[in-house]
């Protein structure tokens, strides 16, 4: 199974998003670099709005992901409540 991944600029804003990704994707592998943080997950990654809100302590629109986004890999399926990356077969 191939990994999907998402990478963000490494800053305070993205820290809560990464923590939420780890909470919702127990197989996540985090790779921190000096200026970015990359999260790999085998097969499928889900980013839930509710989990991000709980982690950062404020309302969150999933479109805010794009502010600090560097790159991603996988097919995107996006709703108001979930942002999913996967490899569809």
PDB file of N, CA and C in Angstrom:
ATOM      1  N   UNK A   1       0.840  -1.175   0.000  1.00  0.00           N
ATOM      2  CA  UNK A   1       0.000   0.000   0.000  1.00  0.00           C
ATOM      3  C   UNK A   1       0.886   1.241   0.000  1.00  0.00           C
ATOM      4  N   UNK A   2       0.595   2.180  -0.876  1.00  0.00           N
ATOM      5  CA  UNK A   2       1.370   3.410  -0.978  1.00  0.00           C
ATOM      6  C   UNK A   2       0.935   4.424   0.069  1.00  0.00           C
ATOM      7  N   UNK A   3       1.883   5.245   0.462  1.00  0.00           N
ATOM      8  CA  UNK A   3       1.580   6.313   1.414  1.00  0.00           C
ATOM      9  C   UNK A   3       0.982   7.516   0.704  1.00  0.00           C
ATOM     10  N   UNK A   4       0.077   8.193   1.394  1.00  0.00           N
ATOM     11  CA  UNK A   4      -0.326   9.546   1.022  1.00  0.00           C
ATOM     12  C   UNK A   4       0.413  10.458   1.976  1.00  0.00           C
ATOM     13  N   UNK A   5       0.596  11.715   1.589  1.00  0.00           N
ATOM     14  CA  UNK A   5       1.272  12.620   2.516  1.00  0.00           C
ATOM     15  C   UNK A   5       0.791  14.037   2.330  1.00  0.00           C
ATOM     16  N   UNK A   6       1.037  14.829   3.354  1.00  0.00           N
ATOM     17  CA  UNK A   6       0.765  16.253   3.322  1.00  0.00           C
ATOM     18  C   UNK A   6       1.909  16.945   4.061  1.00  0.00           C
ATOM     19  N   UNK A   7       2.335  18.090   3.555  1.00  0.00           N
ATOM     20  CA  UNK A   7       3.433  18.832   4.181  1.00  0.00           C
ATOM     21  C   UNK A   7       3.014  20.283   4.385  1.00  0.00           C
ATOM     22  N   UNK A   8       3.339  20.797   5.554  1.00  0.00           N
ATOM     23  CA  UNK A   8       3.004  22.167   5.928  1.00  0.00           C
ATOM     24  C   UNK A   8       4.259  22.933   6.305  1.00  0.00           C
ATOM     25  N   UNK A   9       4.178  24.271   6.211  1.00  0.00           N
ATOM     26  CA  UNK A   9       5.215  25.102   6.789  1.00  0.00           C
ATOM     27  C   UNK A   9       5.219  24.821   8.288  1.00  0.00           C
ATOM     28  N   UNK A  10       6.385  24.785   8.867  1.00  0.00           N
ATOM     29  CA  UNK A  10       6.499  24.494  10.293  1.00  0.00           C
ATOM     30  C   UNK A  10       6.320  25.784  11.081  1.00  0.00           C
ATOM     31  N   UNK A  11       5.140  25.936  11.708  1.00  0.00           N
ATOM     32  CA  UNK A  11       4.845  27.117  12.506  1.00  0.00           C
ATOM     33  C   UNK A  11       3.741  26.780  13.515  1.00  0.00           C
ATOM     34  N   UNK A  12       3.373  27.738  14.329  1.00  0.00           N
ATOM     35  CA  UNK A  12       2.354  27.513  15.367  1.00  0.00           C
ATOM     36  C   UNK A  12       1.002  27.166  14.770  1.00  0.00           C
ATOM     37  N   UNK A  13       0.634  27.779  13.667  1.00  0.00           N
ATOM     38  CA  UNK A  13      -0.664  27.514  13.046  1.00  0.00           C
ATOM     39  C   UNK A  13      -0.782  26.065  12.582  1.00  0.00           C
ATOM     40  N   UNK A  14       0.268  25.537  11.991  1.00  0.00           N
ATOM     41  CA  UNK A  14       0.191  24.176  11.470  1.00  0.00           C
ATOM     42  C   UNK A  14       0.390  23.108  12.549  1.00  0.00           C
ATOM     43  N   UNK A  15       0.953  23.474  13.694  1.00  0.00           N
ATOM     44  CA  UNK A  15       1.196  22.494  14.761  1.00  0.00           C
ATOM     45  C   UNK A  15      -0.109  21.815  15.215  1.00  0.00           C
ATOM     46  N   UNK A  16      -1.168  22.588  15.403  1.00  0.00           N
ATOM     47  CA  UNK A  16      -2.449  22.020  15.822  1.00  0.00           C
ATOM     48  C   UNK A  16      -3.062  21.131  14.764  1.00  0.00           C
ATOM     49  N   UNK A  17      -2.885  21.491  13.499  1.00  0.00           N
ATOM     50  CA  UNK A  17      -3.395  20.668  12.397  1.00  0.00           C
ATOM     51  C   UNK A  17      -2.672  19.334  12.376  1.00  0.00           C
ATOM     52  N   UNK A  18      -1.355  19.367  12.519  1.00  0.00           N
ATOM     53  CA  UNK A  18      -0.570  18.121  12.532  1.00  0.00           C
ATOM     54  C   UNK A  18      -0.968  17.263  13.726  1.00  0.00           C
ATOM     55  N   UNK A  19      -1.161  17.861  14.889  1.00  0.00           N
ATOM     56  CA  UNK A  19      -1.597  17.102  16.064  1.00  0.00           C
ATOM     57  C   UNK A  19      -2.950  16.438  15.816  1.00  0.00           C
ATOM     58  N   UNK A  20      -3.854  17.130  15.135  1.00  0.00           N
ATOM     59  CA  UNK A  20      -5.164  16.558  14.812  1.00  0.00           C
ATOM     60  C   UNK A  20      -5.030  15.406  13.819  1.00  0.00           C
ATOM     61  N   UNK A  21      -4.142  15.550  12.844  1.00  0.00           N
ATOM     62  CA  UNK A  21      -3.915  14.471  11.875  1.00  0.00           C
ATOM     63  C   UNK A  21      -3.417  13.227  12.596  1.00  0.00           C
ATOM     64  N   UNK A  22      -2.480  13.409  13.507  1.00  0.00           N
ATOM     65  CA  UNK A  22      -1.938  12.274  14.271  1.00  0.00           C
ATOM     66  C   UNK A  22      -3.034  11.609  15.101  1.00  0.00           C
ATOM     67  N   UNK A  23      -3.908  12.421  15.710  1.00  0.00           N
ATOM     68  CA  UNK A  23      -4.999  11.868  16.526  1.00  0.00           C
ATOM     69  C   UNK A  23      -5.962  11.027  15.690  1.00  0.00           C
ATOM     70  N   UNK A  24      -6.258  11.462  14.473  1.00  0.00           N
ATOM     71  CA  UNK A  24      -7.227  10.760  13.630  1.00  0.00           C
ATOM     72  C   UNK A  24      -6.611   9.666  12.756  1.00  0.00           C
ATOM     73  N   UNK A  25      -5.299   9.612  12.683  1.00  0.00           N
ATOM     74  CA  UNK A  25      -4.609   8.639  11.831  1.00  0.00           C
ATOM     75  C   UNK A  25      -3.477   7.996  12.621  1.00  0.00           C
ATOM     76  N   UNK A  26      -3.791   6.949  13.405  1.00  0.00           N
ATOM     77  CA  UNK A  26      -2.790   6.357  14.297  1.00  0.00           C
ATOM     78  C   UNK A  26      -1.534   5.829  13.596  1.00  0.00           C
ATOM     79  N   UNK A  27      -1.615   5.551  12.301  1.00  0.00           N
ATOM     80  CA  UNK A  27      -0.447   5.045  11.571  1.00  0.00           C
ATOM     81  C   UNK A  27       0.406   6.175  10.988  1.00  0.00           C
ATOM     82  N   UNK A  28       0.079   7.404  11.305  1.00  0.00           N
ATOM     83  CA  UNK A  28       0.800   8.552  10.751  1.00  0.00           C
ATOM     84  C   UNK A  28       2.265   8.543  11.167  1.00  0.00           C
ATOM     85  N   UNK A  29       3.102   8.920  10.230  1.00  0.00           N
ATOM     86  CA  UNK A  29       4.537   9.062  10.471  1.00  0.00           C
ATOM     87  C   UNK A  29       4.880  10.524  10.218  1.00  0.00           C
ATOM     88  N   UNK A  30       5.398  11.189  11.241  1.00  0.00           N
ATOM     89  CA  UNK A  30       5.711  12.607  11.148  1.00  0.00           C
ATOM     90  C   UNK A  30       7.202  12.789  10.920  1.00  0.00           C
ATOM     91  N   UNK A  31       7.542  13.609   9.937  1.00  0.00           N
ATOM     92  CA  UNK A  31       8.923  13.926   9.612  1.00  0.00           C
ATOM     93  C   UNK A  31       9.079  15.440   9.718  1.00  0.00           C
ATOM     94  N   UNK A  32       9.737  15.902  10.780  1.00  0.00           N
ATOM     95  CA  UNK A  32       9.928  17.342  10.991  1.00  0.00           C
ATOM     96  C   UNK A  32      11.264  17.777  10.426  1.00  0.00           C
ATOM     97  N   UNK A  33      11.220  18.822   9.633  1.00  0.00           N
ATOM     98  CA  UNK A  33      12.402  19.441   9.057  1.00  0.00           C
ATOM     99  C   UNK A  33      12.506  20.855   9.624  1.00  0.00           C
ATOM    100  N   UNK A  34      13.590  21.574   9.375  1.00  0.00           N
ATOM    101  CA  UNK A  34      13.704  22.925   9.922  1.00  0.00           C
ATOM    102  C   UNK A  34      12.572  23.870   9.502  1.00  0.00           C
ATOM    103  N   UNK A  35      12.083  23.760   8.269  1.00  0.00           N
ATOM    104  CA  UNK A  35      11.072  24.712   7.798  1.00  0.00           C
ATOM    105  C   UNK A  35       9.730  24.070   7.462  1.00  0.00           C
ATOM    106  N   UNK A  36       9.632  22.739   7.566  1.00  0.00           N
ATOM    107  CA  UNK A  36       8.376  22.075   7.231  1.00  0.00           C
ATOM    108  C   UNK A  36       8.167  20.836   8.078  1.00  0.00           C
ATOM    109  N   UNK A  37       6.926  20.396   8.096  1.00  0.00           N
ATOM    110  CA  UNK A  37       6.587  19.133   8.735  1.00  0.00           C
ATOM    111  C   UNK A  37       5.748  18.334   7.738  1.00  0.00           C
ATOM    112  N   UNK A  38       6.158  17.094   7.505  1.00  0.00           N
ATOM    113  CA  UNK A  38       5.505  16.218   6.540  1.00  0.00           C
ATOM    114  C   UNK A  38       4.888  15.058   7.304  1.00  0.00           C
ATOM    115  N   UNK A  39       3.651  14.715   6.935  1.00  0.00           N
ATOM    116  CA  UNK A  39       2.963  13.599   7.577  1.00  0.00           C
ATOM    117  C   UNK A  39       2.609  12.576   6.500  1.00  0.00           C
ATOM    118  N   UNK A  40       3.118  11.352   6.663  1.00  0.00           N
ATOM    119  CA  UNK A  40       2.813  10.235   5.770  1.00  0.00           C
ATOM    120  C   UNK A  40       1.853   9.293   6.472  1.00  0.00           C
ATOM    121  N   UNK A  41       0.900   8.746   5.703  1.00  0.00           N
ATOM    122  CA  UNK A  41      -0.027   7.745   6.230  1.00  0.00           C
ATOM    123  C   UNK A  41      -0.214   6.687   5.151  1.00  0.00           C
ATOM    124  N   UNK A  42      -0.121   5.414   5.514  1.00  0.00           N
ATOM    125  CA  UNK A  42      -0.347   4.364   4.521  1.00  0.00           C
ATOM    126  C   UNK A  42      -1.784   4.384   3.994  1.00  0.00           C
ATOM    127  N   UNK A  43      -1.932   4.528   2.674  1.00  0.00           N
ATOM    128  CA  UNK A  43      -3.222   4.359   2.022  1.00  0.00           C
ATOM    129  C   UNK A  43      -4.212   5.499   2.073  1.00  0.00           C
ATOM    130  N   UNK A  44      -4.517   5.999   3.262  1.00  0.00           N
ATOM    131  CA  UNK A  44      -5.602   6.980   3.398  1.00  0.00           C
ATOM    132  C   UNK A  44      -5.396   7.850   4.636  1.00  0.00           C
ATOM    133  N   UNK A  45      -5.556   9.166   4.468  1.00  0.00           N
ATOM    134  CA  UNK A  45      -5.437  10.119   5.566  1.00  0.00           C
ATOM    135  C   UNK A  45      -6.731  10.922   5.652  1.00  0.00           C
ATOM    136  N   UNK A  46      -7.250  11.064   6.860  1.00  0.00           N
ATOM    137  CA  UNK A  46      -8.438  11.879   7.091  1.00  0.00           C
ATOM    138  C   UNK A  46      -8.075  13.029   8.027  1.00  0.00           C
ATOM    139  N   UNK A  47      -8.444  14.228   7.621  1.00  0.00           N
ATOM    140  CA  UNK A  47      -8.302  15.398   8.483  1.00  0.00           C
ATOM    141  C   UNK A  47      -9.716  15.867   8.798  1.00  0.00           C
ATOM    142  N   UNK A  48     -10.104  15.739  10.053  1.00  0.00           N
ATOM    143  CA  UNK A  48     -11.462  16.097  10.467  1.00  0.00           C
ATOM    144  C   UNK A  48     -11.490  17.497  11.073  1.00  0.00           C
ATOM    145  N   UNK A  49     -12.430  18.303  10.598  1.00  0.00           N
ATOM    146  CA  UNK A  49     -12.602  19.663  11.107  1.00  0.00           C
ATOM    147  C   UNK A  49     -12.803  19.658  12.613  1.00  0.00           C
ATOM    148  N   UNK A  50     -13.649  18.765  13.111  1.00  0.00           N
ATOM    149  CA  UNK A  50     -13.948  18.710  14.547  1.00  0.00           C
ATOM    150  C   UNK A  50     -12.701  18.425  15.378  1.00  0.00           C
ATOM    151  N   UNK A  51     -11.834  17.552  14.895  1.00  0.00           N
ATOM    152  CA  UNK A  51     -10.608  17.228  15.629  1.00  0.00           C
ATOM    153  C   UNK A  51      -9.660  18.421  15.631  1.00  0.00           C
ATOM    154  N   UNK A  52      -9.538  19.099  14.495  1.00  0.00           N
ATOM    155  CA  UNK A  52      -8.681  20.287  14.442  1.00  0.00           C
ATOM    156  C   UNK A  52      -9.221  21.344  15.404  1.00  0.00           C
ATOM    157  N   UNK A  53     -10.534  21.573  15.390  1.00  0.00           N
ATOM    158  CA  UNK A  53     -11.127  22.558  16.292  1.00  0.00           C
ATOM    159  C   UNK A  53     -10.848  22.222  17.748  1.00  0.00           C
ATOM    160  N   UNK A  54     -10.969  20.945  18.081  1.00  0.00           N
ATOM    161  CA  UNK A  54     -10.697  20.509  19.460  1.00  0.00           C
ATOM    162  C   UNK A  54      -9.234  20.750  19.826  1.00  0.00           C
ATOM    163  N   UNK A  55      -8.348  20.489  18.891  1.00  0.00           N
ATOM    164  CA  UNK A  55      -6.914  20.633  19.128  1.00  0.00           C
ATOM    165  C   UNK A  55      -6.485  22.094  19.260  1.00  0.00           C
ATOM    166  N   UNK A  56      -7.019  22.961  18.388  1.00  0.00           N
ATOM    167  CA  UNK A  56      -6.572  24.358  18.402  1.00  0.00           C
ATOM    168  C   UNK A  56      -7.452  25.253  19.274  1.00  0.00           C
ATOM    169  N   UNK A  57      -8.619  24.749  19.673  1.00  0.00           N
ATOM    170  CA  UNK A  57      -9.470  25.494  20.593  1.00  0.00           C
ATOM    171  C   UNK A  57     -10.248  26.652  19.995  1.00  0.00           C
ATOM    172  N   UNK A  58     -10.554  26.540  18.680  1.00  0.00           N
ATOM    173  CA  UNK A  58     -11.357  27.584  18.030  1.00  0.00           C
ATOM    174  C   UNK A  58     -12.026  26.977  16.794  1.00  0.00           C
ATOM    175  N   UNK A  59     -13.034  27.676  16.253  1.00  0.00           N
ATOM    176  CA  UNK A  59     -13.643  27.207  15.001  1.00  0.00           C
ATOM    177  C   UNK A  59     -12.595  27.163  13.883  1.00  0.00           C
ATOM    178  N   UNK A  60     -12.746  26.203  12.983  1.00  0.00           N
ATOM    179  CA  UNK A  60     -11.768  26.006  11.917  1.00  0.00           C
ATOM    180  C   UNK A  60     -12.490  25.640  10.630  1.00  0.00           C
ATOM    181  N   UNK A  61     -12.176  26.345   9.572  1.00  0.00           N
ATOM    182  CA  UNK A  61     -12.667  26.026   8.237  1.00  0.00           C
ATOM    183  C   UNK A  61     -11.560  25.234   7.550  1.00  0.00           C
ATOM    184  N   UNK A  62     -11.880  24.062   7.011  1.00  0.00           N
ATOM    185  CA  UNK A  62     -10.841  23.228   6.403  1.00  0.00           C
ATOM    186  C   UNK A  62     -10.092  23.924   5.268  1.00  0.00           C
ATOM    187  N   UNK A  63     -10.667  24.963   4.689  1.00  0.00           N
ATOM    188  CA  UNK A  63      -9.952  25.725   3.664  1.00  0.00           C
ATOM    189  C   UNK A  63      -8.702  26.395   4.234  1.00  0.00           C
ATOM    190  N   UNK A  64      -8.670  26.574   5.559  1.00  0.00           N
ATOM    191  CA  UNK A  64      -7.494  27.166   6.207  1.00  0.00           C
ATOM    192  C   UNK A  64      -6.260  26.272   6.076  1.00  0.00           C
ATOM    193  N   UNK A  65      -6.454  24.993   5.758  1.00  0.00           N
ATOM    194  CA  UNK A  65      -5.315  24.089   5.536  1.00  0.00           C
ATOM    195  C   UNK A  65      -4.370  24.657   4.479  1.00  0.00           C
ATOM    196  N   UNK A  66      -4.945  25.306   3.479  1.00  0.00           N
ATOM    197  CA  UNK A  66      -4.175  25.757   2.326  1.00  0.00           C
ATOM    198  C   UNK A  66      -3.222  26.911   2.630  1.00  0.00           C
ATOM    199  N   UNK A  67      -3.439  27.614   3.726  1.00  0.00           N
ATOM    200  CA  UNK A  67      -2.607  28.765   4.060  1.00  0.00           C
ATOM    201  C   UNK A  67      -1.148  28.355   4.280  1.00  0.00           C
ATOM    202  N   UNK A  68      -0.933  27.248   4.983  1.00  0.00           N
ATOM    203  CA  UNK A  68       0.430  26.796   5.296  1.00  0.00           C
ATOM    204  C   UNK A  68       0.826  25.523   4.559  1.00  0.00           C
ATOM    205  N   UNK A  69       0.009  25.101   3.599  1.00  0.00           N
ATOM    206  CA  UNK A  69       0.259  23.892   2.834  1.00  0.00           C
ATOM    207  C   UNK A  69       1.418  24.094   1.867  1.00  0.00           C
ATOM    208  N   UNK A  70       2.342  23.123   1.852  1.00  0.00           N
ATOM    209  CA  UNK A  70       3.451  23.151   0.891  1.00  0.00           C
ATOM    210  C   UNK A  70       3.135  22.218  -0.268  1.00  0.00           C
ATOM    211  N   UNK A  71       2.798  20.968   0.043  1.00  0.00           N
ATOM    212  CA  UNK A  71       2.498  19.987  -0.994  1.00  0.00           C
ATOM    213  C   UNK A  71       1.714  18.839  -0.384  1.00  0.00           C
ATOM    214  N   UNK A  72       1.146  18.019  -1.252  1.00  0.00           N
ATOM    215  CA  UNK A  72       0.442  16.820  -0.813  1.00  0.00           C
ATOM    216  C   UNK A  72       0.502  15.782  -1.912  1.00  0.00           C
ATOM    217  N   UNK A  73       0.174  14.552  -1.553  1.00  0.00           N
ATOM    218  CA  UNK A  73       0.179  13.463  -2.511  1.00  0.00           C
ATOM    219  C   UNK A  73      -1.014  12.567  -2.228  1.00  0.00           C
ATOM    220  N   UNK A  74      -1.811  12.330  -3.249  1.00  0.00           N
ATOM    221  CA  UNK A  74      -2.996  11.491  -3.122  1.00  0.00           C
ATOM    222  C   UNK A  74      -4.184  12.162  -3.777  1.00  0.00           C
ATOM    223  N   UNK A  75      -5.249  11.398  -3.943  1.00  0.00           N
ATOM    224  CA  UNK A  75      -6.494  11.945  -4.470  1.00  0.00           C
ATOM    225  C   UNK A  75      -7.215  12.668  -3.346  1.00  0.00           C
ATOM    226  N   UNK A  76      -7.736  13.845  -3.630  1.00  0.00           N
ATOM    227  CA  UNK A  76      -8.394  14.664  -2.621  1.00  0.00           C
ATOM    228  C   UNK A  76      -9.904  14.465  -2.684  1.00  0.00           C
ATOM    229  N   UNK A  77     -10.508  14.269  -1.517  1.00  0.00           N
ATOM    230  CA  UNK A  77     -11.960  14.276  -1.368  1.00  0.00           C
ATOM    231  C   UNK A  77     -12.237  15.225  -0.215  1.00  0.00           C
ATOM    232  N   UNK A  78     -12.936  16.318  -0.494  1.00  0.00           N
ATOM    233  CA  UNK A  78     -13.078  17.384   0.487  1.00  0.00           C
ATOM    234  C   UNK A  78     -14.543  17.733   0.699  1.00  0.00           C
ATOM    235  N   UNK A  79     -14.951  17.781   1.975  1.00  0.00           N
ATOM    236  CA  UNK A  79     -16.262  18.283   2.361  1.00  0.00           C
ATOM    237  C   UNK A  79     -16.038  19.380   3.400  1.00  0.00           C
ATOM    238  N   UNK A  80     -17.112  19.931   3.936  1.00  0.00           N
ATOM    239  CA  UNK A  80     -16.977  20.936   4.989  1.00  0.00           C
ATOM    240  C   UNK A  80     -16.420  20.341   6.274  1.00  0.00           C
ATOM    241  N   UNK A  81     -16.582  19.018   6.458  1.00  0.00           N
ATOM    242  CA  UNK A  81     -16.189  18.367   7.707  1.00  0.00           C
ATOM    243  C   UNK A  81     -14.934  17.504   7.625  1.00  0.00           C
ATOM    244  N   UNK A  82     -14.557  17.066   6.416  1.00  0.00           N
ATOM    245  CA  UNK A  82     -13.392  16.187   6.278  1.00  0.00           C
ATOM    246  C   UNK A  82     -12.609  16.498   5.012  1.00  0.00           C
ATOM    247  N   UNK A  83     -11.303  16.372   5.142  1.00  0.00           N
ATOM    248  CA  UNK A  83     -10.372  16.478   4.012  1.00  0.00           C
ATOM    249  C   UNK A  83      -9.666  15.134   3.963  1.00  0.00           C
ATOM    250  N   UNK A  84      -9.858  14.377   2.884  1.00  0.00           N
ATOM    251  CA  UNK A  84      -9.313  13.028   2.788  1.00  0.00           C
ATOM    252  C   UNK A  84      -8.341  12.922   1.619  1.00  0.00           C
ATOM    253  N   UNK A  85      -7.199  12.307   1.874  1.00  0.00           N
ATOM    254  CA  UNK A  85      -6.242  11.953   0.838  1.00  0.00           C
ATOM    255  C   UNK A  85      -6.203  10.436   0.761  1.00  0.00           C
ATOM    256  N   UNK A  86      -6.271   9.892  -0.453  1.00  0.00           N
ATOM    257  CA  UNK A  86      -6.217   8.430  -0.603  1.00  0.00           C
ATOM    258  C   UNK A  86      -5.702   8.083  -1.983  1.00  0.00           C
ATOM    259  N   UNK A  87      -5.363   6.829  -2.141  1.00  0.00           N
ATOM    260  CA  UNK A  87      -5.036   6.295  -3.462  1.00  0.00           C
ATOM    261  C   UNK A  87      -6.178   5.385  -3.836  1.00  0.00           C
ATOM    262  N   UNK A  88      -7.015   5.842  -4.753  1.00  0.00           N
ATOM    263  CA  UNK A  88      -8.163   5.051  -5.208  1.00  0.00           C
ATOM    264  C   UNK A  88      -7.679   4.028  -6.218  1.00  0.00           C
ATOM    265  N   UNK A  89      -8.196   2.811  -6.085  1.00  0.00           N
ATOM    266  CA  UNK A  89      -7.805   1.747  -7.024  1.00  0.00           C
ATOM    267  C   UNK A  89      -8.978   1.389  -7.888  1.00  0.00           C
TER     268      UNK A  89
END
